Amino acid sequence: MKQDYHCSGSGEITGGEYGEIRVSGGAKMTGDVQCDRLHVSGGLKAANDLTCGEMHVSGSLKVEGRLSAETAKISGDVKAEHGIAVSGKLSLSGSLKTEGNAELGEAGISGGATVEGKINAKDLQVSGGLKCGSDVSAEHFAASGKVEIPGLLNAETIELSASGRSEIGDIGCGSLTVRKERNVFFFGDAKPGLTVRSIEGDTIWLENTAAEIVRGKNVTVGKHCKIGRVEYSETLNLVDGGKVEEQVRG
């Protein structure tokens, strides 16, 4: 039978397998630790890898190795120096930072996430802030918050609400929709909600977007867009005053 560990003061957790670990005070881990359930409302520092079944963090968690969990709910602060993996559902209303990669299942980010490496996810939804140092790959990607991705955002379906100031290197997709959120107004030479070098996909609908080049089968360009060149194979629709500098059908 696995041992439980509860700490309301200060303590040390040695490497091994545990049932439940609950920290409401301050504790540190030495060695690799595996547990079925982790609850941190105080402060916990892990010197090596930490693997959990269920993880709940409302306090502070720092992992100097790799952090892995089946499910995670984070309303506090989490830092994982060598990457994070959550195979199931991740709910982030707090702060998450990692210098490594992030391997995620279904993730909802209403707080802030900073990932220096790559992000791979099944379903990634961002209403807070996401900053990635490399590429993002997902089956479905949706964002209404601020997104910074210097590399490639690749997903089968992408939905962006251009209310923030998001910057993405390149986008590859099956379908992409970028729309200006209701009750958001722009004056003069206000910056576009999405700035991107290139977009390539099958079905593309753009509003409030600045792009150097767009390639697609069916492309629609709407209001508040600054598009350098559009290459399309089937249709190009300019709506609500949408304009492009150069258009090529091929």
C-alpha atoms as a PDB file:
ATOM      1  CA  MET A   1       0.000   0.000   0.000  1.00  0.00           C
ATOM      2  CA  LYS A   2       1.309   3.420  -0.974  1.00  0.00           C
ATOM      3  CA  GLN A   3       2.153   5.890   1.754  1.00  0.00           C
ATOM      4  CA  ASP A   4       0.471   9.311   1.995  1.00  0.00           C
ATOM      5  CA  TYR A   5       2.385  12.446   2.928  1.00  0.00           C
ATOM      6  CA  HIS A   6       0.729  15.516   4.452  1.00  0.00           C
ATOM      7  CA  CYS A   7       2.742  18.614   5.359  1.00  0.00           C
ATOM      8  CA  SER A   8       1.289  21.702   7.060  1.00  0.00           C
ATOM      9  CA  GLY A   9       4.604  22.983   8.384  1.00  0.00           C
ATOM     10  CA  SER A  10       7.973  22.311   6.797  1.00  0.00           C
ATOM     11  CA  GLY A  11       9.206  18.962   5.605  1.00  0.00           C
ATOM     12  CA  GLU A  12      11.174  16.862   3.150  1.00  0.00           C
ATOM     13  CA  ILE A  13       9.818  14.217   0.786  1.00  0.00           C
ATOM     14  CA  THR A  14      12.267  11.547  -0.318  1.00  0.00           C
ATOM     15  CA  GLY A  15      12.089   9.865  -3.712  1.00  0.00           C
ATOM     16  CA  GLY A  16       9.625   7.053  -4.214  1.00  0.00           C
ATOM     17  CA  GLU A  17       5.956   6.252  -4.819  1.00  0.00           C
ATOM     18  CA  TYR A  18       3.149   7.821  -2.800  1.00  0.00           C
ATOM     19  CA  GLY A  19      -0.628   7.750  -2.709  1.00  0.00           C
ATOM     20  CA  GLU A  20      -1.521  11.342  -1.820  1.00  0.00           C
ATOM     21  CA  ILE A  21       0.853  14.227  -1.217  1.00  0.00           C
ATOM     22  CA  ARG A  22      -0.702  17.309   0.342  1.00  0.00           C
ATOM     23  CA  VAL A  23       1.385  20.406   1.098  1.00  0.00           C
ATOM     24  CA  SER A  24      -0.121  23.428   2.840  1.00  0.00           C
ATOM     25  CA  GLY A  25       3.134  24.565   4.421  1.00  0.00           C
ATOM     26  CA  GLY A  26       6.590  24.423   2.845  1.00  0.00           C
ATOM     27  CA  ALA A  27       8.265  21.250   1.613  1.00  0.00           C
ATOM     28  CA  LYS A  28      11.007  20.025  -0.687  1.00  0.00           C
ATOM     29  CA  MET A  29      11.414  16.803  -2.637  1.00  0.00           C
ATOM     30  CA  THR A  30      14.654  14.898  -3.161  1.00  0.00           C
ATOM     31  CA  GLY A  31      14.851  12.195  -5.796  1.00  0.00           C
ATOM     32  CA  ASP A  32      12.224  11.266  -8.394  1.00  0.00           C
ATOM     33  CA  VAL A  33       8.717  11.202  -6.935  1.00  0.00           C
ATOM     34  CA  GLN A  34       5.558   9.526  -8.215  1.00  0.00           C
ATOM     35  CA  CYS A  35       2.143  10.016  -6.612  1.00  0.00           C
ATOM     36  CA  ASP A  36      -1.514   9.375  -7.347  1.00  0.00           C
ATOM     37  CA  ARG A  37      -2.687  12.790  -6.108  1.00  0.00           C
ATOM     38  CA  LEU A  38      -0.844  16.044  -5.452  1.00  0.00           C
ATOM     39  CA  HIS A  39      -2.376  19.052  -3.665  1.00  0.00           C
ATOM     40  CA  VAL A  40      -0.213  22.124  -3.135  1.00  0.00           C
ATOM     41  CA  SER A  41      -1.678  25.151  -1.373  1.00  0.00           C
ATOM     42  CA  GLY A  42       1.627  26.133   0.216  1.00  0.00           C
ATOM     43  CA  GLY A  43       5.083  25.905  -1.365  1.00  0.00           C
ATOM     44  CA  LEU A  44       6.783  22.841  -2.830  1.00  0.00           C
ATOM     45  CA  LYS A  45      10.180  22.503  -4.523  1.00  0.00           C
ATOM     46  CA  ALA A  46      11.120  19.279  -6.331  1.00  0.00           C
ATOM     47  CA  ALA A  47      14.795  18.712  -7.119  1.00  0.00           C
ATOM     48  CA  ASN A  48      14.148  15.980  -9.712  1.00  0.00           C
ATOM     49  CA  ASP A  49      11.278  14.637 -11.834  1.00  0.00           C
ATOM     50  CA  LEU A  50       7.727  14.698 -10.465  1.00  0.00           C
ATOM     51  CA  THR A  51       4.984  12.430 -11.848  1.00  0.00           C
ATOM     52  CA  CYS A  52       1.357  12.719 -10.671  1.00  0.00           C
ATOM     53  CA  GLY A  53      -2.051  11.304 -11.398  1.00  0.00           C
ATOM     54  CA  GLU A  54      -4.211  14.264 -10.322  1.00  0.00           C
ATOM     55  CA  MET A  55      -2.510  17.589  -9.635  1.00  0.00           C
ATOM     56  CA  HIS A  56      -4.036  20.626  -7.920  1.00  0.00           C
ATOM     57  CA  VAL A  57      -1.857  23.682  -7.299  1.00  0.00           C
ATOM     58  CA  SER A  58      -3.194  26.832  -5.667  1.00  0.00           C
ATOM     59  CA  GLY A  59       0.130  27.700  -4.083  1.00  0.00           C
ATOM     60  CA  SER A  60       3.637  27.519  -5.567  1.00  0.00           C
ATOM     61  CA  LEU A  61       5.315  24.529  -7.220  1.00  0.00           C
ATOM     62  CA  LYS A  62       8.827  24.490  -8.670  1.00  0.00           C
ATOM     63  CA  VAL A  63      10.129  21.362 -10.391  1.00  0.00           C
ATOM     64  CA  GLU A  64      13.799  21.356 -11.358  1.00  0.00           C
ATOM     65  CA  GLY A  65      13.263  18.255 -13.510  1.00  0.00           C
ATOM     66  CA  ARG A  66      10.270  17.273 -15.666  1.00  0.00           C
ATOM     67  CA  LEU A  67       6.675  17.563 -14.459  1.00  0.00           C
ATOM     68  CA  SER A  68       4.114  14.983 -15.636  1.00  0.00           C
ATOM     69  CA  ALA A  69       0.447  14.544 -14.721  1.00  0.00           C
ATOM     70  CA  GLU A  70      -2.687  12.881 -16.010  1.00  0.00           C
ATOM     71  CA  THR A  71      -4.861  15.891 -15.084  1.00  0.00           C
ATOM     72  CA  ALA A  72      -3.917  19.279 -13.660  1.00  0.00           C
ATOM     73  CA  LYS A  73      -5.716  22.268 -12.192  1.00  0.00           C
ATOM     74  CA  ILE A  74      -3.441  25.251 -11.610  1.00  0.00           C
ATOM     75  CA  SER A  75      -4.651  28.446  -9.959  1.00  0.00           C
ATOM     76  CA  GLY A  76      -1.293  29.211  -8.377  1.00  0.00           C
ATOM     77  CA  ASP A  77       2.227  29.352  -9.822  1.00  0.00           C
ATOM     78  CA  VAL A  78       4.015  26.411 -11.450  1.00  0.00           C
ATOM     79  CA  LYS A  79       7.512  26.310 -12.917  1.00  0.00           C
ATOM     80  CA  ALA A  80       8.874  23.165 -14.567  1.00  0.00           C
ATOM     81  CA  GLU A  81      12.431  23.649 -15.772  1.00  0.00           C
ATOM     82  CA  HIS A  82      12.656  20.624 -18.077  1.00  0.00           C
ATOM     83  CA  GLY A  83       9.183  20.499 -19.574  1.00  0.00           C
ATOM     84  CA  ILE A  84       5.644  19.552 -18.655  1.00  0.00           C
ATOM     85  CA  ALA A  85       3.301  16.799 -19.833  1.00  0.00           C
ATOM     86  CA  VAL A  86      -0.425  16.640 -19.010  1.00  0.00           C
ATOM     87  CA  SER A  87      -2.038  13.765 -20.886  1.00  0.00           C
ATOM     88  CA  GLY A  88      -5.620  14.613 -19.924  1.00  0.00           C
ATOM     89  CA  LYS A  89      -7.233  17.926 -19.040  1.00  0.00           C
ATOM     90  CA  LEU A  90      -5.260  21.000 -17.975  1.00  0.00           C
ATOM     91  CA  SER A  91      -7.096  23.958 -16.445  1.00  0.00           C
ATOM     92  CA  LEU A  92      -4.777  26.938 -15.976  1.00  0.00           C
ATOM     93  CA  SER A  93      -6.060  30.096 -14.325  1.00  0.00           C
ATOM     94  CA  GLY A  94      -2.752  30.846 -12.646  1.00  0.00           C
ATOM     95  CA  SER A  95       0.778  30.939 -14.066  1.00  0.00           C
ATOM     96  CA  LEU A  96       2.806  28.235 -15.811  1.00  0.00           C
ATOM     97  CA  LYS A  97       6.400  28.534 -17.000  1.00  0.00           C
ATOM     98  CA  THR A  98       8.768  25.970 -18.471  1.00  0.00           C
ATOM     99  CA  GLU A  99      12.107  26.133 -20.223  1.00  0.00           C
ATOM    100  CA  GLY A 100      11.331  22.863 -22.015  1.00  0.00           C
ATOM    101  CA  ASN A 101       8.492  21.516 -24.150  1.00  0.00           C
ATOM    102  CA  ALA A 102       4.819  21.104 -23.254  1.00  0.00           C
ATOM    103  CA  GLU A 103       2.918  17.929 -24.195  1.00  0.00           C
ATOM    104  CA  LEU A 104      -0.789  18.530 -23.534  1.00  0.00           C
ATOM    105  CA  GLY A 105      -4.134  16.845 -24.064  1.00  0.00           C
ATOM    106  CA  GLU A 106      -7.057  19.241 -23.637  1.00  0.00           C
ATOM    107  CA  ALA A 107      -5.830  22.547 -22.240  1.00  0.00           C
ATOM    108  CA  GLY A 108      -7.725  25.666 -21.223  1.00  0.00           C
ATOM    109  CA  ILE A 109      -5.566  28.693 -20.434  1.00  0.00           C
ATOM    110  CA  SER A 110      -7.300  31.639 -18.778  1.00  0.00           C
ATOM    111  CA  GLY A 111      -4.174  32.656 -16.888  1.00  0.00           C
ATOM    112  CA  GLY A 112      -0.686  32.958 -18.360  1.00  0.00           C
ATOM    113  CA  ALA A 113       1.595  30.309 -19.879  1.00  0.00           C
ATOM    114  CA  THR A 114       5.190  30.702 -21.044  1.00  0.00           C
ATOM    115  CA  VAL A 115       6.791  27.752 -22.841  1.00  0.00           C
ATOM    116  CA  GLU A 116      10.324  28.213 -24.135  1.00  0.00           C
ATOM    117  CA  GLY A 117      10.223  25.038 -26.233  1.00  0.00           C
ATOM    118  CA  LYS A 118       7.528  23.484 -28.422  1.00  0.00           C
ATOM    119  CA  ILE A 119       3.873  22.861 -27.586  1.00  0.00           C
ATOM    120  CA  ASN A 120       2.018  19.763 -28.771  1.00  0.00           C
ATOM    121  CA  ALA A 121      -1.648  19.525 -27.808  1.00  0.00           C
ATOM    122  CA  LYS A 122      -4.886  17.876 -28.801  1.00  0.00           C
ATOM    123  CA  ASP A 123      -7.161  20.843 -28.003  1.00  0.00           C
ATOM    124  CA  LEU A 124      -5.694  24.179 -26.915  1.00  0.00           C
ATOM    125  CA  GLN A 125      -7.923  27.107 -25.916  1.00  0.00           C
ATOM    126  CA  VAL A 126      -6.469  30.420 -24.765  1.00  0.00           C
ATOM    127  CA  SER A 127      -8.492  33.206 -23.171  1.00  0.00           C
ATOM    128  CA  GLY A 128      -5.554  34.524 -21.159  1.00  0.00           C
ATOM    129  CA  GLY A 129      -2.000  34.785 -22.463  1.00  0.00           C
ATOM    130  CA  LEU A 130       0.276  32.298 -24.230  1.00  0.00           C
ATOM    131  CA  LYS A 131       3.919  32.861 -25.086  1.00  0.00           C
ATOM    132  CA  CYS A 132       5.824  30.104 -26.873  1.00  0.00           C
ATOM    133  CA  GLY A 133       9.476  30.186 -27.868  1.00  0.00           C
ATOM    134  CA  SER A 134       9.107  27.795 -30.813  1.00  0.00           C
ATOM    135  CA  ASP A 135       6.292  25.948 -32.660  1.00  0.00           C
ATOM    136  CA  VAL A 136       2.763  25.001 -31.611  1.00  0.00           C
ATOM    137  CA  SER A 137       0.973  21.949 -32.985  1.00  0.00           C
ATOM    138  CA  ALA A 138      -2.632  20.993 -32.146  1.00  0.00           C
ATOM    139  CA  GLU A 139      -5.707  19.361 -33.614  1.00  0.00           C
ATOM    140  CA  HIS A 140      -7.803  22.375 -32.606  1.00  0.00           C
ATOM    141  CA  PHE A 141      -6.522  25.796 -31.514  1.00  0.00           C
ATOM    142  CA  ALA A 142      -8.717  28.669 -30.323  1.00  0.00           C
ATOM    143  CA  ALA A 143      -7.613  31.959 -28.784  1.00  0.00           C
ATOM    144  CA  SER A 144      -9.311  35.139 -27.626  1.00  0.00           C
ATOM    145  CA  GLY A 145      -6.356  36.299 -25.537  1.00  0.00           C
ATOM    146  CA  LYS A 146      -2.854  37.388 -26.476  1.00  0.00           C
ATOM    147  CA  VAL A 147      -0.679  34.847 -28.296  1.00  0.00           C
ATOM    148  CA  GLU A 148       3.032  35.061 -29.164  1.00  0.00           C
ATOM    149  CA  ILE A 149       4.406  32.245 -31.343  1.00  0.00           C
ATOM    150  CA  PRO A 150       7.577  33.071 -33.306  1.00  0.00           C
ATOM    151  CA  GLY A 151       7.552  29.755 -35.166  1.00  0.00           C
ATOM    152  CA  LEU A 152       4.796  27.734 -36.839  1.00  0.00           C
ATOM    153  CA  LEU A 153       1.249  27.366 -35.542  1.00  0.00           C
ATOM    154  CA  ASN A 154      -0.073  24.193 -37.129  1.00  0.00           C
ATOM    155  CA  ALA A 155      -3.603  22.878 -36.484  1.00  0.00           C
ATOM    156  CA  GLU A 156      -6.476  21.352 -38.403  1.00  0.00           C
ATOM    157  CA  THR A 157      -8.855  24.092 -37.197  1.00  0.00           C
ATOM    158  CA  ILE A 158      -7.827  27.493 -35.854  1.00  0.00           C
ATOM    159  CA  GLU A 159     -10.192  30.116 -34.442  1.00  0.00           C
ATOM    160  CA  LEU A 160      -8.791  33.485 -33.385  1.00  0.00           C
ATOM    161  CA  SER A 161     -10.723  36.374 -31.897  1.00  0.00           C
ATOM    162  CA  ALA A 162      -8.584  39.355 -32.827  1.00  0.00           C
ATOM    163  CA  SER A 163      -9.204  41.448 -29.736  1.00  0.00           C
ATOM    164  CA  GLY A 164      -5.647  41.353 -28.397  1.00  0.00           C
ATOM    165  CA  ARG A 165      -2.314  41.933 -30.107  1.00  0.00           C
ATOM    166  CA  SER A 166      -1.126  38.517 -31.207  1.00  0.00           C
ATOM    167  CA  GLU A 167       2.016  37.797 -33.218  1.00  0.00           C
ATOM    168  CA  ILE A 168       2.602  34.476 -34.995  1.00  0.00           C
ATOM    169  CA  GLY A 169       5.433  33.524 -37.340  1.00  0.00           C
ATOM    170  CA  ASP A 170       3.583  31.243 -39.775  1.00  0.00           C
ATOM    171  CA  ILE A 171       0.223  29.464 -39.792  1.00  0.00           C
ATOM    172  CA  GLY A 172      -0.565  26.119 -41.418  1.00  0.00           C
ATOM    173  CA  CYS A 173      -4.115  24.789 -41.165  1.00  0.00           C
ATOM    174  CA  GLY A 174      -7.120  23.095 -42.682  1.00  0.00           C
ATOM    175  CA  SER A 175      -9.395  25.995 -41.753  1.00  0.00           C
ATOM    176  CA  LEU A 176      -8.614  29.374 -40.176  1.00  0.00           C
ATOM    177  CA  THR A 177     -11.047  31.996 -38.909  1.00  0.00           C
ATOM    178  CA  VAL A 178      -9.853  35.354 -37.581  1.00  0.00           C
ATOM    179  CA  ARG A 179     -12.632  37.690 -36.485  1.00  0.00           C
ATOM    180  CA  LYS A 180     -12.724  40.957 -34.589  1.00  0.00           C
ATOM    181  CA  GLU A 181     -14.411  40.493 -31.249  1.00  0.00           C
ATOM    182  CA  ARG A 182     -17.634  42.400 -30.743  1.00  0.00           C
ATOM    183  CA  ASN A 183     -17.476  45.738 -28.887  1.00  0.00           C
ATOM    184  CA  VAL A 184     -13.791  46.184 -29.758  1.00  0.00           C
ATOM    185  CA  PHE A 185     -13.157  49.387 -31.676  1.00  0.00           C
ATOM    186  CA  PHE A 186     -10.135  50.606 -33.628  1.00  0.00           C
ATOM    187  CA  PHE A 187      -9.133  54.191 -34.265  1.00  0.00           C
ATOM    188  CA  GLY A 188      -6.702  55.675 -36.779  1.00  0.00           C
ATOM    189  CA  ASP A 189      -3.722  53.445 -37.464  1.00  0.00           C
ATOM    190  CA  ALA A 190      -4.375  50.995 -34.636  1.00  0.00           C
ATOM    191  CA  LYS A 191      -2.280  47.834 -34.885  1.00  0.00           C
ATOM    192  CA  PRO A 192      -4.035  44.718 -36.212  1.00  0.00           C
ATOM    193  CA  GLY A 193      -5.122  42.039 -33.792  1.00  0.00           C
ATOM    194  CA  LEU A 194      -3.046  39.393 -35.599  1.00  0.00           C
ATOM    195  CA  THR A 195       0.325  39.904 -37.262  1.00  0.00           C
ATOM    196  CA  VAL A 196       1.710  36.914 -39.196  1.00  0.00           C
ATOM    197  CA  ARG A 197       4.302  36.327 -41.917  1.00  0.00           C
ATOM    198  CA  SER A 198       2.443  33.667 -43.883  1.00  0.00           C
ATOM    199  CA  ILE A 199      -0.805  31.718 -43.809  1.00  0.00           C
ATOM    200  CA  GLU A 200      -1.410  28.486 -45.685  1.00  0.00           C
ATOM    201  CA  GLY A 201      -4.639  26.482 -45.537  1.00  0.00           C
ATOM    202  CA  ASP A 202      -7.756  25.271 -47.307  1.00  0.00           C
ATOM    203  CA  THR A 203     -10.445  27.632 -45.998  1.00  0.00           C
ATOM    204  CA  ILE A 204      -9.332  31.025 -44.673  1.00  0.00           C
ATOM    205  CA  TRP A 205     -11.452  33.915 -43.309  1.00  0.00           C
ATOM    206  CA  LEU A 206      -9.585  37.020 -42.153  1.00  0.00           C
ATOM    207  CA  GLU A 207     -10.467  40.199 -40.267  1.00  0.00           C
ATOM    208  CA  ASN A 208      -8.130  42.588 -38.431  1.00  0.00           C
ATOM    209  CA  THR A 209      -5.077  40.751 -39.774  1.00  0.00           C
ATOM    210  CA  ALA A 210      -1.712  41.828 -41.188  1.00  0.00           C
ATOM    211  CA  ALA A 211      -0.021  39.154 -43.325  1.00  0.00           C
ATOM    212  CA  GLU A 212       2.726  39.214 -45.925  1.00  0.00           C
ATOM    213  CA  ILE A 213       1.337  36.274 -47.906  1.00  0.00           C
ATOM    214  CA  VAL A 214      -1.789  34.101 -47.775  1.00  0.00           C
ATOM    215  CA  ARG A 215      -2.144  30.828 -49.688  1.00  0.00           C
ATOM    216  CA  GLY A 216      -5.385  28.860 -49.766  1.00  0.00           C
ATOM    217  CA  LYS A 217      -8.182  27.233 -51.732  1.00  0.00           C
ATOM    218  CA  ASN A 218     -10.983  29.529 -50.557  1.00  0.00           C
ATOM    219  CA  VAL A 219      -9.910  32.847 -49.057  1.00  0.00           C
ATOM    220  CA  THR A 220     -12.045  35.658 -47.621  1.00  0.00           C
ATOM    221  CA  VAL A 221     -10.473  38.988 -46.650  1.00  0.00           C
ATOM    222  CA  GLY A 222     -12.570  41.364 -44.558  1.00  0.00           C
ATOM    223  CA  LYS A 223     -12.253  44.618 -42.634  1.00  0.00           C
ATOM    224  CA  HIS A 224      -9.117  45.959 -40.961  1.00  0.00           C
ATOM    225  CA  CYS A 225      -6.787  43.697 -42.980  1.00  0.00           C
ATOM    226  CA  LYS A 226      -3.365  44.486 -44.448  1.00  0.00           C
ATOM    227  CA  ILE A 227      -2.529  41.634 -46.823  1.00  0.00           C
ATOM    228  CA  GLY A 228       0.447  41.768 -49.167  1.00  0.00           C
ATOM    229  CA  ARG A 229      -0.256  38.857 -51.533  1.00  0.00           C
ATOM    230  CA  VAL A 230      -3.003  36.241 -51.828  1.00  0.00           C
ATOM    231  CA  GLU A 231      -2.491  33.045 -53.835  1.00  0.00           C
ATOM    232  CA  TYR A 232      -5.723  31.073 -54.177  1.00  0.00           C
ATOM    233  CA  SER A 233      -6.840  28.053 -56.180  1.00  0.00           C
ATOM    234  CA  GLU A 234     -10.649  28.355 -56.060  1.00  0.00           C
ATOM    235  CA  THR A 235     -12.193  31.562 -54.646  1.00  0.00           C
ATOM    236  CA  LEU A 236     -11.119  34.936 -53.272  1.00  0.00           C
ATOM    237  CA  ASN A 237     -13.782  37.097 -51.628  1.00  0.00           C
ATOM    238  CA  LEU A 238     -13.195  40.689 -50.512  1.00  0.00           C
ATOM    239  CA  VAL A 239     -15.891  41.744 -48.023  1.00  0.00           C
ATOM    240  CA  ASP A 240     -16.536  44.781 -45.784  1.00  0.00           C
ATOM    241  CA  GLY A 241     -13.883  46.803 -47.590  1.00  0.00           C
ATOM    242  CA  GLY A 242     -11.250  44.097 -47.469  1.00  0.00           C
ATOM    243  CA  LYS A 243      -8.215  44.770 -49.675  1.00  0.00           C
ATOM    244  CA  VAL A 244      -5.096  42.951 -50.831  1.00  0.00           C
ATOM    245  CA  GLU A 245      -2.098  44.426 -52.617  1.00  0.00           C
ATOM    246  CA  GLU A 246      -1.648  41.501 -55.021  1.00  0.00           C
ATOM    247  CA  GLN A 247      -3.832  38.530 -55.894  1.00  0.00           C
ATOM    248  CA  VAL A 248      -2.875  35.489 -57.955  1.00  0.00           C
ATOM    249  CA  ARG A 249      -5.065  32.562 -58.970  1.00  0.00           C
ATOM    250  CA  GLY A 250      -3.259  29.365 -59.720  1.00  0.00           C
END
